[in-house]
Amino acid sequence: MSLGLAAVLATTMPALAADLKDPLSPLAPAKHSLLCFGRDYSSEHLAQHPRQTTKSVVLTFQQKGRVVTLVLTPRGGAPRQIPASCGWRQGAGIDTSNRKIIPAFNKPAGFDCLVSVGNTDEEGGYLLIDPAQDSKSLTLFLQSPVSAADGKPGQAKPYSLKLDPEDLTFALTRIDPNACDAFRR
């Protein structure tokens, strides 16, 4: 039995090691380079999910994933920008009391992100980013409420944005970095 257990552990060890490695930082070696992820929801999808208020999502990684700008565009109204500072961490999504912040996240590592409130040191919420190991897609988890602004962060007055349950998790794919040039800091 111990030999069988050792064989099972040996086959899972490479996967566990890969799950702990940040797959995005090697793709953004320069300070000013961008990684851009996004998703536009079709009218058919939105008709099937009437409680989802977000019609498109764009997420920009800068400075090796430390600086993130998230833009949620609602079905009606101005795009909402959410700036965050992120760090790749083993144990992502676990708070200081050892409780899960995002119940649906079950991986050993990810990007923990603290949302900024304007140009202050005040925290305005939390989001978690789970990139695929091939770096072509990611899952974004949001905690509600979160601080947002209807203009560029620091130029518009931030407010607390309450998100509906269908606007808390998004599957995004890599898109052309030019789509994120407007968010370059």
N, C-alpha and C. Protein backbone atom coordinates (compact mmCIF):
# COMPACT_ATOMS: atom_id res chain seq x y z
N MET A 1 0.82 -1.19 0.00
CA MET A 1 0.00 0.00 0.00
C MET A 1 0.86 1.25 0.00
N SER A 2 1.95 1.27 0.74
CA SER A 2 2.79 2.46 0.77
C SER A 2 3.44 2.71 -0.58
N LEU A 3 3.73 1.64 -1.34
CA LEU A 3 4.29 1.81 -2.67
C LEU A 3 3.27 2.46 -3.59
N GLY A 4 2.01 2.07 -3.49
CA GLY A 4 0.93 2.67 -4.29
C GLY A 4 0.75 4.13 -3.96
N LEU A 5 0.79 4.46 -2.67
CA LEU A 5 0.66 5.85 -2.24
C LEU A 5 1.84 6.66 -2.75
N ALA A 6 3.04 6.10 -2.70
CA ALA A 6 4.22 6.81 -3.19
C ALA A 6 4.10 7.06 -4.69
N ALA A 7 3.55 6.11 -5.44
CA ALA A 7 3.38 6.29 -6.88
C ALA A 7 2.38 7.40 -7.17
N VAL A 8 1.29 7.44 -6.42
CA VAL A 8 0.29 8.50 -6.61
C VAL A 8 0.89 9.85 -6.29
N LEU A 9 1.63 9.96 -5.17
CA LEU A 9 2.25 11.23 -4.81
C LEU A 9 3.28 11.66 -5.84
N ALA A 10 4.05 10.72 -6.36
CA ALA A 10 5.07 11.05 -7.36
C ALA A 10 4.43 11.62 -8.63
N THR A 11 3.27 11.12 -9.01
CA THR A 11 2.63 11.63 -10.22
C THR A 11 1.96 12.97 -9.99
N THR A 12 1.61 13.30 -8.76
CA THR A 12 0.97 14.59 -8.49
C THR A 12 1.97 15.68 -8.16
N MET A 13 3.19 15.35 -7.79
CA MET A 13 4.17 16.36 -7.40
C MET A 13 4.48 17.36 -8.51
N PRO A 14 4.72 16.93 -9.77
CA PRO A 14 4.98 17.93 -10.81
C PRO A 14 3.79 18.88 -11.00
N ALA A 15 2.59 18.37 -10.92
CA ALA A 15 1.42 19.22 -11.07
C ALA A 15 1.34 20.22 -9.93
N LEU A 16 1.62 19.79 -8.73
CA LEU A 16 1.60 20.70 -7.60
C LEU A 16 2.67 21.77 -7.74
N ALA A 17 3.86 21.40 -8.16
CA ALA A 17 4.93 22.38 -8.35
C ALA A 17 4.54 23.39 -9.42
N ALA A 18 3.91 22.93 -10.51
CA ALA A 18 3.47 23.84 -11.57
C ALA A 18 2.39 24.77 -11.06
N ASP A 19 1.50 24.29 -10.19
CA ASP A 19 0.44 25.12 -9.63
C ASP A 19 0.98 26.23 -8.74
N LEU A 20 2.18 26.06 -8.21
CA LEU A 20 2.76 27.06 -7.32
C LEU A 20 3.57 28.11 -8.07
N LYS A 21 3.86 27.88 -9.34
CA LYS A 21 4.70 28.78 -10.13
C LYS A 21 3.83 29.83 -10.83
N ASP A 22 4.25 31.08 -10.77
CA ASP A 22 3.54 32.18 -11.44
C ASP A 22 3.77 32.08 -12.95
N PRO A 23 2.73 31.79 -13.73
CA PRO A 23 2.92 31.63 -15.17
C PRO A 23 2.96 32.94 -15.95
N LEU A 24 2.60 34.07 -15.35
CA LEU A 24 2.51 35.31 -16.10
C LEU A 24 3.75 36.19 -16.05
N SER A 25 4.45 36.23 -14.93
CA SER A 25 5.60 37.13 -14.81
C SER A 25 6.66 36.93 -15.90
N PRO A 26 6.98 35.71 -16.32
CA PRO A 26 7.96 35.57 -17.40
C PRO A 26 7.52 36.21 -18.72
N LEU A 27 6.22 36.45 -18.88
CA LEU A 27 5.72 37.03 -20.13
C LEU A 27 5.80 38.55 -20.14
N ALA A 28 6.05 39.16 -19.01
CA ALA A 28 6.07 40.63 -18.91
C ALA A 28 7.42 41.09 -18.34
N PRO A 29 8.52 40.87 -19.09
CA PRO A 29 9.84 41.19 -18.56
C PRO A 29 10.12 42.68 -18.44
N ALA A 30 9.56 43.50 -19.31
CA ALA A 30 9.85 44.92 -19.28
C ALA A 30 8.87 45.66 -18.39
N LYS A 31 9.35 46.74 -17.76
CA LYS A 31 8.52 47.51 -16.84
C LYS A 31 7.25 48.02 -17.50
N HIS A 32 7.33 48.41 -18.75
CA HIS A 32 6.18 49.03 -19.40
C HIS A 32 5.40 48.08 -20.32
N SER A 33 5.70 46.79 -20.27
CA SER A 33 4.96 45.86 -21.11
C SER A 33 3.61 45.53 -20.46
N LEU A 34 2.68 45.11 -21.30
CA LEU A 34 1.32 44.81 -20.85
C LEU A 34 0.94 43.37 -21.19
N LEU A 35 0.18 42.78 -20.30
CA LEU A 35 -0.55 41.55 -20.61
C LEU A 35 -2.01 41.92 -20.51
N CYS A 36 -2.77 41.56 -21.50
CA CYS A 36 -4.16 41.99 -21.57
C CYS A 36 -5.07 40.77 -21.72
N PHE A 37 -6.11 40.73 -20.91
CA PHE A 37 -7.11 39.67 -20.95
C PHE A 37 -8.48 40.31 -21.05
N GLY A 38 -9.41 39.62 -21.69
CA GLY A 38 -10.74 40.21 -21.79
C GLY A 38 -11.80 39.23 -22.21
N ARG A 39 -13.02 39.75 -22.20
CA ARG A 39 -14.16 38.97 -22.66
C ARG A 39 -15.31 39.92 -22.94
N ASP A 40 -15.93 39.75 -24.10
CA ASP A 40 -17.16 40.46 -24.45
C ASP A 40 -18.28 39.43 -24.44
N TYR A 41 -19.35 39.74 -23.74
CA TYR A 41 -20.48 38.81 -23.66
C TYR A 41 -21.49 39.11 -24.76
N SER A 42 -21.92 38.07 -25.44
CA SER A 42 -22.89 38.22 -26.53
C SER A 42 -24.27 38.55 -25.96
N SER A 43 -25.11 39.09 -26.82
CA SER A 43 -26.48 39.41 -26.38
C SER A 43 -27.22 38.12 -26.02
N GLU A 44 -26.87 37.01 -26.68
CA GLU A 44 -27.49 35.73 -26.36
C GLU A 44 -27.12 35.29 -24.94
N HIS A 45 -25.83 35.43 -24.60
CA HIS A 45 -25.38 35.06 -23.26
C HIS A 45 -26.08 35.94 -22.22
N LEU A 46 -26.12 37.23 -22.47
CA LEU A 46 -26.75 38.15 -21.52
C LEU A 46 -28.25 37.88 -21.38
N ALA A 47 -28.91 37.45 -22.46
CA ALA A 47 -30.33 37.09 -22.38
C ALA A 47 -30.53 35.86 -21.50
N GLN A 48 -29.57 34.93 -21.55
CA GLN A 48 -29.66 33.72 -20.73
C GLN A 48 -29.27 33.99 -19.27
N HIS A 49 -28.58 35.11 -19.02
CA HIS A 49 -28.14 35.48 -17.67
C HIS A 49 -28.62 36.90 -17.37
N PRO A 50 -29.93 37.08 -17.18
CA PRO A 50 -30.46 38.44 -17.01
C PRO A 50 -29.95 39.17 -15.76
N ARG A 51 -29.44 38.45 -14.77
CA ARG A 51 -28.93 39.11 -13.56
C ARG A 51 -27.48 39.56 -13.71
N GLN A 52 -26.80 39.12 -14.77
CA GLN A 52 -25.44 39.57 -15.03
C GLN A 52 -25.51 40.97 -15.62
N THR A 53 -24.91 41.94 -14.95
CA THR A 53 -24.96 43.32 -15.43
C THR A 53 -23.75 43.69 -16.27
N THR A 54 -22.68 42.87 -16.24
CA THR A 54 -21.44 43.17 -16.96
C THR A 54 -21.52 42.63 -18.38
N LYS A 55 -21.29 43.54 -19.37
CA LYS A 55 -21.30 43.08 -20.77
C LYS A 55 -19.90 42.88 -21.32
N SER A 56 -18.87 43.48 -20.68
CA SER A 56 -17.50 43.20 -21.09
C SER A 56 -16.55 43.43 -19.92
N VAL A 57 -15.42 42.71 -19.99
CA VAL A 57 -14.38 42.78 -18.95
C VAL A 57 -13.04 42.88 -19.65
N VAL A 58 -12.19 43.80 -19.19
CA VAL A 58 -10.81 43.91 -19.65
C VAL A 58 -9.93 43.98 -18.41
N LEU A 59 -8.87 43.18 -18.40
CA LEU A 59 -7.94 43.16 -17.27
C LEU A 59 -6.52 43.34 -17.83
N THR A 60 -5.81 44.31 -17.28
CA THR A 60 -4.45 44.63 -17.73
C THR A 60 -3.46 44.36 -16.61
N PHE A 61 -2.43 43.56 -16.91
CA PHE A 61 -1.31 43.33 -16.00
C PHE A 61 -0.16 44.22 -16.44
N GLN A 62 0.44 44.92 -15.48
CA GLN A 62 1.64 45.71 -15.74
C GLN A 62 2.66 45.41 -14.66
N GLN A 63 3.90 45.70 -14.94
CA GLN A 63 4.98 45.54 -13.97
C GLN A 63 4.98 44.14 -13.35
N LYS A 64 5.02 43.14 -14.24
CA LYS A 64 5.06 41.73 -13.84
C LYS A 64 3.88 41.34 -12.95
N GLY A 65 2.72 41.91 -13.22
CA GLY A 65 1.52 41.52 -12.49
C GLY A 65 1.30 42.25 -11.18
N ARG A 66 2.19 43.15 -10.83
CA ARG A 66 2.02 43.87 -9.57
C ARG A 66 0.94 44.94 -9.66
N VAL A 67 0.76 45.51 -10.84
CA VAL A 67 -0.24 46.55 -11.05
C VAL A 67 -1.29 46.01 -12.01
N VAL A 68 -2.53 46.04 -11.59
CA VAL A 68 -3.64 45.54 -12.40
C VAL A 68 -4.69 46.63 -12.51
N THR A 69 -5.21 46.79 -13.72
CA THR A 69 -6.38 47.64 -13.93
C THR A 69 -7.47 46.75 -14.51
N LEU A 70 -8.60 46.77 -13.87
CA LEU A 70 -9.76 45.98 -14.29
C LEU A 70 -10.82 46.96 -14.75
N VAL A 71 -11.42 46.70 -15.89
CA VAL A 71 -12.51 47.54 -16.39
C VAL A 71 -13.72 46.65 -16.63
N LEU A 72 -14.79 46.96 -15.90
CA LEU A 72 -16.07 46.27 -16.08
C LEU A 72 -17.00 47.25 -16.80
N THR A 73 -17.51 46.84 -17.95
CA THR A 73 -18.46 47.69 -18.66
C THR A 73 -19.85 47.09 -18.45
N PRO A 74 -20.73 47.87 -17.82
CA PRO A 74 -22.08 47.35 -17.56
C PRO A 74 -22.95 47.41 -18.82
N ARG A 75 -24.09 46.78 -18.75
CA ARG A 75 -25.04 46.80 -19.88
C ARG A 75 -25.42 48.23 -20.23
N GLY A 76 -25.48 49.08 -19.24
CA GLY A 76 -25.78 50.49 -19.47
C GLY A 76 -24.91 51.33 -18.55
N GLY A 77 -24.38 52.41 -19.04
CA GLY A 77 -23.56 53.27 -18.21
C GLY A 77 -22.10 53.23 -18.59
N ALA A 78 -21.33 54.00 -17.86
CA ALA A 78 -19.90 54.16 -18.15
C ALA A 78 -19.10 52.96 -17.66
N PRO A 79 -17.97 52.67 -18.32
CA PRO A 79 -17.08 51.62 -17.83
C PRO A 79 -16.58 51.95 -16.43
N ARG A 80 -16.44 50.93 -15.62
CA ARG A 80 -16.00 51.09 -14.23
C ARG A 80 -14.59 50.57 -14.10
N GLN A 81 -13.67 51.44 -13.69
CA GLN A 81 -12.28 51.04 -13.53
C GLN A 81 -11.98 50.69 -12.08
N ILE A 82 -11.25 49.59 -11.92
CA ILE A 82 -10.89 49.11 -10.59
C ILE A 82 -9.38 48.88 -10.59
N PRO A 83 -8.61 49.75 -9.92
CA PRO A 83 -7.16 49.56 -9.84
C PRO A 83 -6.79 48.67 -8.66
N ALA A 84 -5.77 47.84 -8.83
CA ALA A 84 -5.38 46.94 -7.73
C ALA A 84 -3.87 46.71 -7.76
N SER A 85 -3.35 46.40 -6.60
CA SER A 85 -1.95 45.98 -6.44
C SER A 85 -1.99 44.49 -6.13
N CYS A 86 -1.21 43.72 -6.90
CA CYS A 86 -1.29 42.27 -6.79
C CYS A 86 0.06 41.64 -6.48
N GLY A 87 0.01 40.46 -5.95
CA GLY A 87 1.21 39.67 -5.72
C GLY A 87 0.89 38.20 -5.82
N TRP A 88 1.78 37.46 -6.49
CA TRP A 88 1.63 36.01 -6.59
C TRP A 88 1.95 35.42 -5.24
N ARG A 89 1.10 34.53 -4.75
CA ARG A 89 1.32 34.01 -3.40
C ARG A 89 0.77 32.61 -3.25
N GLN A 90 1.56 31.77 -2.62
CA GLN A 90 1.06 30.48 -2.19
C GLN A 90 0.09 30.77 -1.05
N GLY A 91 -1.06 30.14 -1.05
CA GLY A 91 -2.07 30.42 -0.03
C GLY A 91 -2.95 31.60 -0.40
N ALA A 92 -2.96 31.99 -1.66
CA ALA A 92 -3.82 33.10 -2.11
C ALA A 92 -5.27 32.78 -1.77
N GLY A 93 -6.00 33.81 -1.44
CA GLY A 93 -7.41 33.64 -1.14
C GLY A 93 -7.71 33.20 0.28
N ILE A 94 -6.68 33.19 1.13
CA ILE A 94 -6.86 32.82 2.54
C ILE A 94 -6.55 34.07 3.38
N ASP A 95 -7.45 34.44 4.27
CA ASP A 95 -7.21 35.63 5.09
C ASP A 95 -6.34 35.30 6.30
N THR A 96 -6.08 36.30 7.12
CA THR A 96 -5.19 36.11 8.28
C THR A 96 -5.80 35.20 9.35
N SER A 97 -7.10 34.95 9.27
CA SER A 97 -7.74 34.01 10.20
C SER A 97 -7.84 32.61 9.60
N ASN A 98 -7.14 32.39 8.49
CA ASN A 98 -7.11 31.11 7.79
C ASN A 98 -8.47 30.71 7.21
N ARG A 99 -9.27 31.72 6.82
CA ARG A 99 -10.57 31.47 6.18
C ARG A 99 -10.47 31.83 4.70
N LYS A 100 -11.25 31.11 3.89
CA LYS A 100 -11.27 31.38 2.46
C LYS A 100 -11.99 32.70 2.18
N ILE A 101 -11.35 33.57 1.41
CA ILE A 101 -11.96 34.83 1.01
C ILE A 101 -12.90 34.58 -0.18
N ILE A 102 -12.44 33.75 -1.11
CA ILE A 102 -13.21 33.39 -2.29
C ILE A 102 -13.51 31.89 -2.21
N PRO A 103 -14.71 31.51 -1.77
CA PRO A 103 -15.02 30.09 -1.58
C PRO A 103 -14.82 29.21 -2.82
N ALA A 104 -14.99 29.75 -4.02
CA ALA A 104 -14.88 28.94 -5.23
C ALA A 104 -13.43 28.69 -5.66
N PHE A 105 -12.46 29.36 -5.05
CA PHE A 105 -11.05 29.20 -5.43
C PHE A 105 -10.43 28.09 -4.60
N ASN A 106 -9.92 27.05 -5.28
CA ASN A 106 -9.38 25.89 -4.58
C ASN A 106 -7.96 25.54 -5.01
N LYS A 107 -7.19 26.50 -5.47
CA LYS A 107 -5.83 26.24 -5.93
C LYS A 107 -4.83 26.60 -4.83
N PRO A 108 -3.61 26.07 -4.92
CA PRO A 108 -2.62 26.36 -3.88
C PRO A 108 -1.98 27.75 -3.99
N ALA A 109 -2.08 28.40 -5.17
CA ALA A 109 -1.45 29.71 -5.34
C ALA A 109 -2.24 30.52 -6.37
N GLY A 110 -2.06 31.83 -6.33
CA GLY A 110 -2.72 32.73 -7.27
C GLY A 110 -2.28 34.15 -6.98
N PHE A 111 -2.88 35.09 -7.67
CA PHE A 111 -2.60 36.50 -7.43
C PHE A 111 -3.60 37.06 -6.43
N ASP A 112 -3.13 37.42 -5.24
CA ASP A 112 -3.92 38.16 -4.26
C ASP A 112 -3.85 39.62 -4.68
N CYS A 113 -4.98 40.30 -4.77
CA CYS A 113 -4.99 41.70 -5.21
C CYS A 113 -5.81 42.56 -4.26
N LEU A 114 -5.20 43.65 -3.80
CA LEU A 114 -5.90 44.62 -2.99
C LEU A 114 -6.29 45.80 -3.87
N VAL A 115 -7.55 46.14 -3.84
CA VAL A 115 -8.07 47.23 -4.65
C VAL A 115 -7.73 48.55 -3.97
N SER A 116 -7.30 49.51 -4.77
CA SER A 116 -6.94 50.84 -4.27
C SER A 116 -8.15 51.75 -4.31
N VAL A 117 -8.20 52.70 -3.38
CA VAL A 117 -9.23 53.73 -3.37
C VAL A 117 -8.56 55.02 -3.82
N GLY A 118 -8.76 55.37 -5.09
CA GLY A 118 -8.14 56.57 -5.64
C GLY A 118 -6.63 56.51 -5.50
N ASN A 119 -6.03 57.64 -5.15
CA ASN A 119 -4.58 57.72 -4.96
C ASN A 119 -4.22 57.66 -3.48
N THR A 120 -4.92 56.82 -2.72
CA THR A 120 -4.67 56.71 -1.29
C THR A 120 -4.13 55.32 -0.97
N ASP A 121 -3.75 55.13 0.29
CA ASP A 121 -3.32 53.81 0.76
C ASP A 121 -4.50 53.00 1.28
N GLU A 122 -5.69 53.54 1.20
CA GLU A 122 -6.89 52.86 1.69
C GLU A 122 -7.23 51.68 0.78
N GLU A 123 -7.61 50.57 1.41
CA GLU A 123 -8.02 49.38 0.66
C GLU A 123 -9.50 49.47 0.34
N GLY A 124 -9.82 49.11 -0.92
CA GLY A 124 -11.20 49.20 -1.36
C GLY A 124 -11.78 47.89 -1.84
N GLY A 125 -11.26 46.79 -1.31
CA GLY A 125 -11.80 45.50 -1.70
C GLY A 125 -10.70 44.53 -2.09
N TYR A 126 -11.14 43.39 -2.60
CA TYR A 126 -10.22 42.29 -2.89
C TYR A 126 -10.65 41.62 -4.18
N LEU A 127 -9.65 41.18 -4.96
CA LEU A 127 -9.90 40.31 -6.09
C LEU A 127 -8.79 39.29 -6.17
N LEU A 128 -9.07 38.18 -6.79
CA LEU A 128 -8.11 37.09 -6.91
C LEU A 128 -8.05 36.69 -8.38
N ILE A 129 -6.83 36.47 -8.87
CA ILE A 129 -6.63 36.09 -10.27
C ILE A 129 -5.95 34.73 -10.31
N ASP A 130 -6.58 33.82 -11.05
CA ASP A 130 -6.09 32.46 -11.21
C ASP A 130 -5.73 32.22 -12.67
N PRO A 131 -4.45 32.47 -13.05
CA PRO A 131 -4.06 32.26 -14.44
C PRO A 131 -3.85 30.79 -14.76
N ALA A 132 -4.21 30.40 -15.99
CA ALA A 132 -3.93 29.05 -16.45
C ALA A 132 -2.43 28.90 -16.63
N GLN A 133 -1.91 27.69 -16.49
CA GLN A 133 -0.48 27.45 -16.61
C GLN A 133 0.05 27.79 -18.00
N ASP A 134 -0.80 27.75 -19.03
CA ASP A 134 -0.34 28.10 -20.37
C ASP A 134 -0.39 29.61 -20.62
N SER A 135 -0.86 30.38 -19.65
CA SER A 135 -0.92 31.85 -19.70
C SER A 135 -1.86 32.39 -20.78
N LYS A 136 -2.71 31.56 -21.33
CA LYS A 136 -3.62 32.01 -22.38
C LYS A 136 -4.99 32.43 -21.84
N SER A 137 -5.26 32.09 -20.60
CA SER A 137 -6.55 32.43 -20.00
C SER A 137 -6.38 32.57 -18.50
N LEU A 138 -7.41 33.09 -17.86
CA LEU A 138 -7.41 33.20 -16.40
C LEU A 138 -8.84 33.26 -15.91
N THR A 139 -8.99 33.01 -14.63
CA THR A 139 -10.27 33.20 -13.96
C THR A 139 -10.10 34.33 -12.98
N LEU A 140 -11.02 35.27 -13.03
CA LEU A 140 -11.02 36.44 -12.16
C LEU A 140 -12.15 36.27 -11.15
N PHE A 141 -11.81 36.41 -9.86
CA PHE A 141 -12.79 36.34 -8.78
C PHE A 141 -12.82 37.70 -8.10
N LEU A 142 -14.01 38.26 -7.93
CA LEU A 142 -14.18 39.55 -7.27
C LEU A 142 -14.93 39.39 -5.97
N GLN A 143 -14.59 40.23 -5.02
CA GLN A 143 -15.33 40.30 -3.76
C GLN A 143 -16.17 41.58 -3.82
N SER A 144 -17.40 41.50 -3.38
CA SER A 144 -18.28 42.66 -3.39
C SER A 144 -18.57 43.10 -1.96
N PRO A 145 -18.63 44.42 -1.75
CA PRO A 145 -18.43 45.52 -2.68
C PRO A 145 -16.95 45.77 -2.94
N VAL A 146 -16.69 46.54 -4.00
CA VAL A 146 -15.33 46.88 -4.39
C VAL A 146 -15.30 48.35 -4.81
N SER A 147 -14.20 49.01 -4.57
CA SER A 147 -14.06 50.41 -4.95
C SER A 147 -13.85 50.52 -6.46
N ALA A 148 -14.60 51.41 -7.10
CA ALA A 148 -14.52 51.60 -8.54
C ALA A 148 -14.61 53.09 -8.84
N ALA A 149 -14.28 53.46 -10.07
CA ALA A 149 -14.40 54.84 -10.53
C ALA A 149 -14.89 54.80 -11.97
N ASP A 150 -15.70 55.78 -12.34
CA ASP A 150 -16.24 55.85 -13.70
C ASP A 150 -15.33 56.66 -14.61
N GLY A 151 -14.07 56.66 -14.33
CA GLY A 151 -13.06 57.34 -15.15
C GLY A 151 -11.72 56.76 -14.77
N LYS A 152 -10.66 57.38 -15.23
CA LYS A 152 -9.33 56.88 -14.88
C LYS A 152 -9.12 56.95 -13.37
N PRO A 153 -8.55 55.89 -12.76
CA PRO A 153 -8.28 55.94 -11.33
C PRO A 153 -7.43 57.17 -10.98
N GLY A 154 -7.82 57.83 -9.91
CA GLY A 154 -7.11 59.03 -9.49
C GLY A 154 -7.69 60.29 -10.10
N GLN A 155 -8.47 60.16 -11.19
CA GLN A 155 -9.06 61.32 -11.84
C GLN A 155 -10.57 61.40 -11.61
N ALA A 156 -11.16 60.34 -11.11
CA ALA A 156 -12.59 60.32 -10.84
C ALA A 156 -12.80 59.91 -9.39
N LYS A 157 -13.88 60.39 -8.83
CA LYS A 157 -14.18 60.08 -7.43
C LYS A 157 -14.56 58.60 -7.30
N PRO A 158 -13.81 57.84 -6.47
CA PRO A 158 -14.14 56.42 -6.30
C PRO A 158 -15.42 56.25 -5.47
N TYR A 159 -16.09 55.16 -5.71
CA TYR A 159 -17.30 54.82 -4.97
C TYR A 159 -17.33 53.32 -4.72
N SER A 160 -18.18 52.90 -3.82
CA SER A 160 -18.31 51.49 -3.50
C SER A 160 -19.32 50.86 -4.46
N LEU A 161 -18.85 49.87 -5.23
CA LEU A 161 -19.66 49.20 -6.23
C LEU A 161 -20.09 47.84 -5.69
N LYS A 162 -21.41 47.67 -5.55
CA LYS A 162 -21.95 46.38 -5.14
C LYS A 162 -22.22 45.57 -6.39
N LEU A 163 -21.66 44.36 -6.43
CA LEU A 163 -21.80 43.49 -7.59
C LEU A 163 -22.83 42.39 -7.32
N ASP A 164 -23.58 42.04 -8.35
CA ASP A 164 -24.51 40.93 -8.25
C ASP A 164 -23.74 39.62 -8.27
N PRO A 165 -24.33 38.54 -7.73
CA PRO A 165 -23.64 37.25 -7.71
C PRO A 165 -23.13 36.79 -9.09
N GLU A 166 -23.84 37.14 -10.18
CA GLU A 166 -23.40 36.73 -11.51
C GLU A 166 -22.29 37.62 -12.07
N ASP A 167 -21.85 38.61 -11.30
CA ASP A 167 -20.77 39.51 -11.72
C ASP A 167 -19.54 39.37 -10.82
N LEU A 168 -19.36 38.20 -10.22
CA LEU A 168 -18.24 38.00 -9.30
C LEU A 168 -17.14 37.10 -9.86
N THR A 169 -17.42 36.31 -10.89
CA THR A 169 -16.44 35.39 -11.46
C THR A 169 -16.48 35.50 -12.98
N PHE A 170 -15.30 35.67 -13.58
CA PHE A 170 -15.22 35.80 -15.03
C PHE A 170 -14.08 34.96 -15.58
N ALA A 171 -14.34 34.27 -16.69
CA ALA A 171 -13.31 33.52 -17.42
C ALA A 171 -12.85 34.42 -18.56
N LEU A 172 -11.55 34.79 -18.56
CA LEU A 172 -11.01 35.72 -19.54
C LEU A 172 -9.92 35.03 -20.36
N THR A 173 -9.72 35.50 -21.58
CA THR A 173 -8.65 34.98 -22.44
C THR A 173 -7.73 36.13 -22.84
N ARG A 174 -6.49 35.76 -23.23
CA ARG A 174 -5.52 36.77 -23.66
C ARG A 174 -6.04 37.45 -24.91
N ILE A 175 -5.89 38.77 -24.95
CA ILE A 175 -6.27 39.56 -26.12
C ILE A 175 -5.08 40.44 -26.49
N ASP A 176 -5.17 41.09 -27.62
CA ASP A 176 -4.11 41.95 -28.12
C ASP A 176 -3.79 43.04 -27.09
N PRO A 177 -2.51 43.20 -26.71
CA PRO A 177 -2.14 44.23 -25.74
C PRO A 177 -2.55 45.65 -26.15
N ASN A 178 -2.71 45.89 -27.45
CA ASN A 178 -3.15 47.21 -27.89
C ASN A 178 -4.52 47.57 -27.33
N ALA A 179 -5.32 46.57 -27.01
CA ALA A 179 -6.65 46.82 -26.43
C ALA A 179 -6.54 47.43 -25.04
N CYS A 180 -5.36 47.35 -24.44
CA CYS A 180 -5.16 47.85 -23.08
C CYS A 180 -4.25 49.09 -23.02
N ASP A 181 -3.85 49.61 -24.17
CA ASP A 181 -2.93 50.76 -24.16
C ASP A 181 -3.46 51.94 -23.36
N ALA A 182 -4.76 52.15 -23.33
CA ALA A 182 -5.34 53.28 -22.61
C ALA A 182 -5.11 53.19 -21.11
N PHE A 183 -4.77 52.00 -20.61
CA PHE A 183 -4.60 51.82 -19.17
C PHE A 183 -3.15 51.81 -18.74
N ARG A 184 -2.25 52.07 -19.69
CA ARG A 184 -0.82 52.07 -19.38
C ARG A 184 -0.52 53.16 -18.36
N ARG A 185 0.18 52.79 -17.27
CA ARG A 185 0.52 53.76 -16.22
C ARG A 185 1.93 54.23 -16.36
